[in-house]
C-alpha atoms as a PDB file:
ATOM      1  CA  UNK A   1       4.124  12.603  32.320  1.00  0.00           C
ATOM      2  CA  UNK A   2       5.593  12.630  28.837  1.00  0.00           C
ATOM      3  CA  UNK A   3       7.775  10.023  27.252  1.00  0.00           C
ATOM      4  CA  UNK A   4      10.854   9.377  29.334  1.00  0.00           C
ATOM      5  CA  UNK A   5      13.552   7.136  27.896  1.00  0.00           C
ATOM      6  CA  UNK A   6      17.110   6.605  29.036  1.00  0.00           C
ATOM      7  CA  UNK A   7      18.988   9.673  28.275  1.00  0.00           C
ATOM      8  CA  UNK A   8      21.791  11.185  26.234  1.00  0.00           C
ATOM      9  CA  UNK A   9      22.937  10.238  22.785  1.00  0.00           C
ATOM     10  CA  UNK A  10      26.608  10.024  23.731  1.00  0.00           C
ATOM     11  CA  UNK A  11      27.384   7.048  21.541  1.00  0.00           C
ATOM     12  CA  UNK A  12      24.861   4.483  20.408  1.00  0.00           C
ATOM     13  CA  UNK A  13      26.783   1.898  22.383  1.00  0.00           C
ATOM     14  CA  UNK A  14      26.050   3.442  25.745  1.00  0.00           C
ATOM     15  CA  UNK A  15      23.479   6.157  26.097  1.00  0.00           C
ATOM     16  CA  UNK A  16      21.275   6.623  23.079  1.00  0.00           C
ATOM     17  CA  UNK A  17      17.965   8.207  23.958  1.00  0.00           C
ATOM     18  CA  UNK A  18      15.737   6.051  21.859  1.00  0.00           C
ATOM     19  CA  UNK A  19      13.512   3.235  22.939  1.00  0.00           C
ATOM     20  CA  UNK A  20      12.525  -0.130  21.579  1.00  0.00           C
ATOM     21  CA  UNK A  21       8.931   1.001  21.101  1.00  0.00           C
ATOM     22  CA  UNK A  22       7.189   3.698  19.138  1.00  0.00           C
ATOM     23  CA  UNK A  23       3.992   4.666  17.390  1.00  0.00           C
ATOM     24  CA  UNK A  24       2.374   2.445  14.776  1.00  0.00           C
ATOM     25  CA  UNK A  25       1.644   4.088  11.455  1.00  0.00           C
ATOM     26  CA  UNK A  26      -2.076   4.786  11.059  1.00  0.00           C
ATOM     27  CA  UNK A  27      -4.118   3.928   8.047  1.00  0.00           C
ATOM     28  CA  UNK A  28      -2.224   0.848   6.891  1.00  0.00           C
ATOM     29  CA  UNK A  29      -4.347  -1.627   4.915  1.00  0.00           C
ATOM     30  CA  UNK A  30      -3.288  -5.061   3.733  1.00  0.00           C
ATOM     31  CA  UNK A  31      -4.643  -8.570   3.550  1.00  0.00           C
ATOM     32  CA  UNK A  32      -4.969 -10.107   7.030  1.00  0.00           C
ATOM     33  CA  UNK A  33      -2.473 -12.968   6.445  1.00  0.00           C
ATOM     34  CA  UNK A  34       0.296 -10.629   5.304  1.00  0.00           C
ATOM     35  CA  UNK A  35      -0.356  -8.229   8.158  1.00  0.00           C
ATOM     36  CA  UNK A  36      -0.265 -11.054  10.707  1.00  0.00           C
ATOM     37  CA  UNK A  37       2.953 -12.535   9.359  1.00  0.00           C
ATOM     38  CA  UNK A  38       4.642  -9.129   9.290  1.00  0.00           C
ATOM     39  CA  UNK A  39       3.548  -8.372  12.829  1.00  0.00           C
ATOM     40  CA  UNK A  40       4.758 -11.741  14.049  1.00  0.00           C
ATOM     41  CA  UNK A  41       8.146 -11.131  12.473  1.00  0.00           C
ATOM     42  CA  UNK A  42       8.178  -7.643  13.952  1.00  0.00           C
ATOM     43  CA  UNK A  43       7.520  -9.003  17.443  1.00  0.00           C
ATOM     44  CA  UNK A  44      10.252 -11.614  17.006  1.00  0.00           C
ATOM     45  CA  UNK A  45      12.694  -8.970  15.775  1.00  0.00           C
ATOM     46  CA  UNK A  46      11.839  -6.685  18.695  1.00  0.00           C
ATOM     47  CA  UNK A  47      12.639  -9.481  21.132  1.00  0.00           C
ATOM     48  CA  UNK A  48      15.915 -10.157  19.363  1.00  0.00           C
ATOM     49  CA  UNK A  49      16.823  -6.486  19.584  1.00  0.00           C
ATOM     50  CA  UNK A  50      15.913  -6.309  23.275  1.00  0.00           C
ATOM     51  CA  UNK A  51      18.193  -9.314  23.868  1.00  0.00           C
ATOM     52  CA  UNK A  52      21.089  -7.616  22.082  1.00  0.00           C
ATOM     53  CA  UNK A  53      20.960  -9.765  18.952  1.00  0.00           C
ATOM     54  CA  UNK A  54      21.274  -6.780  16.669  1.00  0.00           C
ATOM     55  CA  UNK A  55      22.174  -8.422  13.352  1.00  0.00           C
ATOM     56  CA  UNK A  56      19.461 -11.037  13.791  1.00  0.00           C
ATOM     57  CA  UNK A  57      16.962  -8.280  14.527  1.00  0.00           C
ATOM     58  CA  UNK A  58      17.967  -6.412  11.354  1.00  0.00           C
ATOM     59  CA  UNK A  59      17.346  -9.524   9.284  1.00  0.00           C
ATOM     60  CA  UNK A  60      13.981 -10.151  10.930  1.00  0.00           C
ATOM     61  CA  UNK A  61      12.809  -6.550  10.533  1.00  0.00           C
ATOM     62  CA  UNK A  62      13.849  -6.757   6.877  1.00  0.00           C
ATOM     63  CA  UNK A  63      11.744  -9.892   6.442  1.00  0.00           C
ATOM     64  CA  UNK A  64       8.768  -8.102   7.981  1.00  0.00           C
ATOM     65  CA  UNK A  65       9.257  -5.222   5.573  1.00  0.00           C
ATOM     66  CA  UNK A  66       9.269  -7.572   2.602  1.00  0.00           C
ATOM     67  CA  UNK A  67       5.798  -8.679   3.657  1.00  0.00           C
ATOM     68  CA  UNK A  68       4.629  -5.167   4.445  1.00  0.00           C
ATOM     69  CA  UNK A  69       6.709  -2.457   2.720  1.00  0.00           C
ATOM     70  CA  UNK A  70       4.612   0.270   4.389  1.00  0.00           C
ATOM     71  CA  UNK A  71       5.265  -0.874   7.956  1.00  0.00           C
ATOM     72  CA  UNK A  72       6.515   2.421   9.420  1.00  0.00           C
ATOM     73  CA  UNK A  73       7.290   0.998  12.835  1.00  0.00           C
ATOM     74  CA  UNK A  74       9.446  -1.750  11.327  1.00  0.00           C
ATOM     75  CA  UNK A  75      11.512   0.873   9.480  1.00  0.00           C
ATOM     76  CA  UNK A  76      11.930   2.797  12.731  1.00  0.00           C
ATOM     77  CA  UNK A  77      12.941  -0.263  14.743  1.00  0.00           C
ATOM     78  CA  UNK A  78      15.297  -1.492  12.058  1.00  0.00           C
ATOM     79  CA  UNK A  79      16.783   1.994  12.050  1.00  0.00           C
ATOM     80  CA  UNK A  80      17.449   1.614  15.761  1.00  0.00           C
ATOM     81  CA  UNK A  81      19.101  -1.735  15.147  1.00  0.00           C
ATOM     82  CA  UNK A  82      21.287  -0.251  12.431  1.00  0.00           C
ATOM     83  CA  UNK A  83      22.228   2.572  14.807  1.00  0.00           C
ATOM     84  CA  UNK A  84      23.216   0.106  17.496  1.00  0.00           C
ATOM     85  CA  UNK A  85      25.272  -1.740  14.890  1.00  0.00           C
ATOM     86  CA  UNK A  86      27.103   1.497  14.071  1.00  0.00           C
ATOM     87  CA  UNK A  87      25.570   2.052  10.621  1.00  0.00           C
ATOM     88  CA  UNK A  88      24.259   5.588  11.053  1.00  0.00           C
ATOM     89  CA  UNK A  89      23.605   6.066   7.335  1.00  0.00           C
ATOM     90  CA  UNK A  90      21.226   3.101   7.238  1.00  0.00           C
ATOM     91  CA  UNK A  91      19.703   4.175  10.556  1.00  0.00           C
ATOM     92  CA  UNK A  92      18.937   7.669   9.296  1.00  0.00           C
ATOM     93  CA  UNK A  93      17.430   6.268   6.095  1.00  0.00           C
ATOM     94  CA  UNK A  94      15.158   4.048   8.188  1.00  0.00           C
ATOM     95  CA  UNK A  95      13.951   6.861  10.430  1.00  0.00           C
ATOM     96  CA  UNK A  96      13.364   9.069   7.393  1.00  0.00           C
ATOM     97  CA  UNK A  97      11.278   6.354   5.730  1.00  0.00           C
ATOM     98  CA  UNK A  98       9.288   5.833   8.929  1.00  0.00           C
ATOM     99  CA  UNK A  99       8.209   9.474   9.101  1.00  0.00           C
ATOM    100  CA  UNK A 100       7.497   9.550   5.373  1.00  0.00           C
ATOM    101  CA  UNK A 101       5.011   6.738   5.914  1.00  0.00           C
ATOM    102  CA  UNK A 102       3.711   8.183   9.183  1.00  0.00           C
ATOM    103  CA  UNK A 103       4.286  11.947   9.538  1.00  0.00           C
ATOM    104  CA  UNK A 104       3.048  11.725  13.136  1.00  0.00           C
ATOM    105  CA  UNK A 105       5.676   9.166  14.157  1.00  0.00           C
ATOM    106  CA  UNK A 106       7.178  10.954  17.150  1.00  0.00           C
ATOM    107  CA  UNK A 107       9.860   8.372  17.885  1.00  0.00           C
ATOM    108  CA  UNK A 108      10.926   8.446  14.242  1.00  0.00           C
ATOM    109  CA  UNK A 109      11.769  12.136  14.463  1.00  0.00           C
ATOM    110  CA  UNK A 110      13.418  11.785  17.887  1.00  0.00           C
ATOM    111  CA  UNK A 111      15.561   8.845  16.795  1.00  0.00           C
ATOM    112  CA  UNK A 112      16.443  10.619  13.563  1.00  0.00           C
ATOM    113  CA  UNK A 113      17.650  13.535  15.663  1.00  0.00           C
ATOM    114  CA  UNK A 114      19.693  11.221  17.852  1.00  0.00           C
ATOM    115  CA  UNK A 115      21.347   9.623  14.824  1.00  0.00           C
ATOM    116  CA  UNK A 116      22.119  13.008  13.293  1.00  0.00           C
ATOM    117  CA  UNK A 117      23.657  14.182  16.573  1.00  0.00           C
ATOM    118  CA  UNK A 118      25.773  11.057  16.759  1.00  0.00           C
ATOM    119  CA  UNK A 119      26.985  11.689  13.209  1.00  0.00           C
ATOM    120  CA  UNK A 120      27.940  15.280  14.085  1.00  0.00           C
ATOM    121  CA  UNK A 121      25.017  17.127  12.464  1.00  0.00           C
ATOM    122  CA  UNK A 122      23.916  19.039  15.548  1.00  0.00           C
ATOM    123  CA  UNK A 123      21.887  21.639  13.649  1.00  0.00           C
ATOM    124  CA  UNK A 124      19.981  18.923  11.827  1.00  0.00           C
ATOM    125  CA  UNK A 125      19.475  17.061  15.093  1.00  0.00           C
ATOM    126  CA  UNK A 126      17.986  20.135  16.763  1.00  0.00           C
ATOM    127  CA  UNK A 127      15.508  20.444  13.908  1.00  0.00           C
ATOM    128  CA  UNK A 128      14.374  16.824  14.273  1.00  0.00           C
ATOM    129  CA  UNK A 129      14.049  17.070  18.046  1.00  0.00           C
ATOM    130  CA  UNK A 130      11.945  20.166  17.444  1.00  0.00           C
ATOM    131  CA  UNK A 131       9.660  18.236  15.099  1.00  0.00           C
ATOM    132  CA  UNK A 132       9.254  15.525  17.723  1.00  0.00           C
ATOM    133  CA  UNK A 133       8.344  18.138  20.320  1.00  0.00           C
ATOM    134  CA  UNK A 134       5.844  19.743  17.965  1.00  0.00           C
ATOM    135  CA  UNK A 135       4.035  16.411  17.897  1.00  0.00           C
ATOM    136  CA  UNK A 136       4.516  15.691  21.616  1.00  0.00           C
ATOM    137  CA  UNK A 137       5.433  18.683  23.758  1.00  0.00           C
ATOM    138  CA  UNK A 138       6.070  16.445  26.782  1.00  0.00           C
ATOM    139  CA  UNK A 139       8.701  14.212  25.157  1.00  0.00           C
ATOM    140  CA  UNK A 140      11.361  14.343  27.869  1.00  0.00           C
ATOM    141  CA  UNK A 141      14.305  12.919  25.952  1.00  0.00           C
ATOM    142  CA  UNK A 142      13.742  15.213  22.994  1.00  0.00           C
ATOM    143  CA  UNK A 143      14.197  18.178  25.326  1.00  0.00           C
ATOM    144  CA  UNK A 144      17.213  16.563  26.966  1.00  0.00           C
ATOM    145  CA  UNK A 145      18.975  15.612  23.734  1.00  0.00           C
ATOM    146  CA  UNK A 146      18.226  18.967  22.153  1.00  0.00           C
ATOM    147  CA  UNK A 147      19.720  20.565  25.244  1.00  0.00           C
ATOM    148  CA  UNK A 148      22.857  18.483  24.721  1.00  0.00           C
ATOM    149  CA  UNK A 149      23.036  19.607  21.106  1.00  0.00           C
ATOM    150  CA  UNK A 150      22.606  23.262  22.040  1.00  0.00           C
ATOM    151  CA  UNK A 151      25.300  22.881  24.693  1.00  0.00           C
ATOM    152  CA  UNK A 152      27.772  21.426  22.213  1.00  0.00           C
ATOM    153  CA  UNK A 153      27.005  24.329  19.869  1.00  0.00           C
ATOM    154  CA  UNK A 154      27.670  26.690  22.815  1.00  0.00           C
ATOM    155  CA  UNK A 155      24.094  27.968  22.608  1.00  0.00           C
ATOM    156  CA  UNK A 156      23.848  28.006  26.362  1.00  0.00           C
ATOM    157  CA  UNK A 157      20.631  30.034  26.622  1.00  0.00           C
ATOM    158  CA  UNK A 158      18.625  27.487  24.638  1.00  0.00           C
ATOM    159  CA  UNK A 159      20.373  24.593  26.385  1.00  0.00           C
ATOM    160  CA  UNK A 160      19.307  26.071  29.727  1.00  0.00           C
ATOM    161  CA  UNK A 161      15.701  26.373  28.521  1.00  0.00           C
ATOM    162  CA  UNK A 162      15.592  22.711  27.474  1.00  0.00           C
ATOM    163  CA  UNK A 163      17.163  21.387  30.665  1.00  0.00           C
ATOM    164  CA  UNK A 164      14.704  23.517  32.645  1.00  0.00           C
ATOM    165  CA  UNK A 165      11.889  21.795  30.771  1.00  0.00           C
ATOM    166  CA  UNK A 166      13.293  18.376  31.631  1.00  0.00           C
ATOM    167  CA  UNK A 167      13.734  19.123  35.332  1.00  0.00           C
ATOM    168  CA  UNK A 168      10.289  20.690  35.569  1.00  0.00           C
ATOM    169  CA  UNK A 169       8.775  17.467  34.252  1.00  0.00           C
ATOM    170  CA  UNK A 170      11.131  14.961  35.922  1.00  0.00           C
ATOM    171  CA  UNK A 171      12.545  16.431  39.156  1.00  0.00           C
ATOM    172  CA  UNK A 172      14.449  13.205  39.899  1.00  0.00           C
ATOM    173  CA  UNK A 173      16.449  13.300  36.632  1.00  0.00           C
ATOM    174  CA  UNK A 174      20.006  13.490  38.000  1.00  0.00           C
ATOM    175  CA  UNK A 175      21.720  13.822  34.614  1.00  0.00           C
ATOM    176  CA  UNK A 176      19.610  16.859  33.744  1.00  0.00           C
ATOM    177  CA  UNK A 177      20.713  18.655  36.920  1.00  0.00           C
ATOM    178  CA  UNK A 178      24.318  17.833  36.078  1.00  0.00           C
ATOM    179  CA  UNK A 179      23.974  19.128  32.535  1.00  0.00           C
ATOM    180  CA  UNK A 180      22.181  22.248  33.696  1.00  0.00           C
ATOM    181  CA  UNK A 181      24.951  22.816  36.204  1.00  0.00           C
ATOM    182  CA  UNK A 182      27.488  22.770  33.378  1.00  0.00           C
ATOM    183  CA  UNK A 183      25.364  25.238  31.414  1.00  0.00           C
ATOM    184  CA  UNK A 184      25.093  27.540  34.415  1.00  0.00           C
ATOM    185  CA  UNK A 185      28.849  27.384  34.831  1.00  0.00           C
ATOM    186  CA  UNK A 186      29.357  28.250  31.149  1.00  0.00           C
ATOM    187  CA  UNK A 187      27.044  31.238  31.638  1.00  0.00           C
ATOM    188  CA  UNK A 188      29.081  32.404  34.623  1.00  0.00           C
ATOM    189  CA  UNK A 189      26.384  31.548  37.183  1.00  0.00           C
ATOM    190  CA  UNK A 190      28.661  29.798  39.657  1.00  0.00           C
ATOM    191  CA  UNK A 191      26.198  29.697  42.555  1.00  0.00           C
ATOM    192  CA  UNK A 192      23.483  28.144  40.403  1.00  0.00           C
ATOM    193  CA  UNK A 193      25.989  25.722  38.872  1.00  0.00           C
ATOM    194  CA  UNK A 194      27.129  24.497  42.271  1.00  0.00           C
ATOM    195  CA  UNK A 195      23.530  24.092  43.454  1.00  0.00           C
ATOM    196  CA  UNK A 196      22.618  22.007  40.402  1.00  0.00           C
ATOM    197  CA  UNK A 197      25.699  19.834  40.648  1.00  0.00           C
ATOM    198  CA  UNK A 198      25.093  19.221  44.342  1.00  0.00           C
ATOM    199  CA  UNK A 199      21.515  18.217  43.568  1.00  0.00           C
ATOM    200  CA  UNK A 200      22.741  15.906  40.792  1.00  0.00           C
ATOM    201  CA  UNK A 201      25.212  14.267  43.173  1.00  0.00           C
ATOM    202  CA  UNK A 202      22.497  13.804  45.800  1.00  0.00           C
ATOM    203  CA  UNK A 203      20.151  12.180  43.271  1.00  0.00           C
ATOM    204  CA  UNK A 204      22.867   9.913  41.884  1.00  0.00           C
ATOM    205  CA  UNK A 205      23.676   8.772  45.414  1.00  0.00           C
ATOM    206  CA  UNK A 206      20.004   8.169  46.252  1.00  0.00           C
ATOM    207  CA  UNK A 207      19.555   6.224  43.033  1.00  0.00           C
ATOM    208  CA  UNK A 208      22.586   4.030  43.653  1.00  0.00           C
ATOM    209  CA  UNK A 209      24.587   5.366  40.694  1.00  0.00           C
ATOM    210  CA  UNK A 210      28.109   5.360  42.111  1.00  0.00           C
ATOM    211  CA  UNK A 211      29.780   6.356  38.836  1.00  0.00           C
ATOM    212  CA  UNK A 212      27.455   9.315  38.281  1.00  0.00           C
ATOM    213  CA  UNK A 213      27.948  10.362  41.884  1.00  0.00           C
ATOM    214  CA  UNK A 214      31.753  10.310  41.676  1.00  0.00           C
ATOM    215  CA  UNK A 215      31.828  12.084  38.317  1.00  0.00           C
ATOM    216  CA  UNK A 216      29.561  14.825  39.634  1.00  0.00           C
ATOM    217  CA  UNK A 217      31.728  15.307  42.720  1.00  0.00           C
ATOM    218  CA  UNK A 218      34.726  15.762  40.430  1.00  0.00           C
ATOM    219  CA  UNK A 219      32.830  18.373  38.416  1.00  0.00           C
ATOM    220  CA  UNK A 220      31.923  20.141  41.640  1.00  0.00           C
ATOM    221  CA  UNK A 221      35.582  20.280  42.639  1.00  0.00           C
ATOM    222  CA  UNK A 222      36.487  21.761  39.245  1.00  0.00           C
ATOM    223  CA  UNK A 223      33.718  24.387  39.402  1.00  0.00           C
ATOM    224  CA  UNK A 224      34.633  25.389  42.972  1.00  0.00           C
ATOM    225  CA  UNK A 225      38.400  25.505  42.381  1.00  0.00           C
END
């Protein structure tokens, strides 16, 4: 199975589809002491970020980057921290630097796309999600977030294609069924929309997500009214 994060970019405070891990830039060379110190700081910063200490994590990632200015993963993780702190400009700069240093950094492109989407640049976001998928064609959240972007641009055909890809790879992904149901409804496919929303509600209920379940039932009522 491809990379599966938690899904949707709808605000960095609640549902950003980027993880606390990524791919380390290949080919980096430095003296062993500097590399070790930078990696130790990186690990400390990653723990701080996982614990919600965002500003502390930013400072620690910055210290790691002073020791190793070509540490692509540190730029990417600091970009995530900036995003969580609400500084999308700094976040985007970090993701851009990460992929400059490591053009194969899949998470860098995916996170860049997420930040662009959150800032309102949906076209730019779609391009970055596409670059991530070129590198890893099984990257679940890149499909899902690109589908969200297409949906917001009212490009329902491409949104449907991306949500199909997600569901094919992760049949238990309740949110994807819900989103696909909304796309089907926008396309005038009421029967398919109702089927997807019912499946989403069933999965939310099975997974113990009471909020998702209730929201999906409300959408079902609206579609069937």
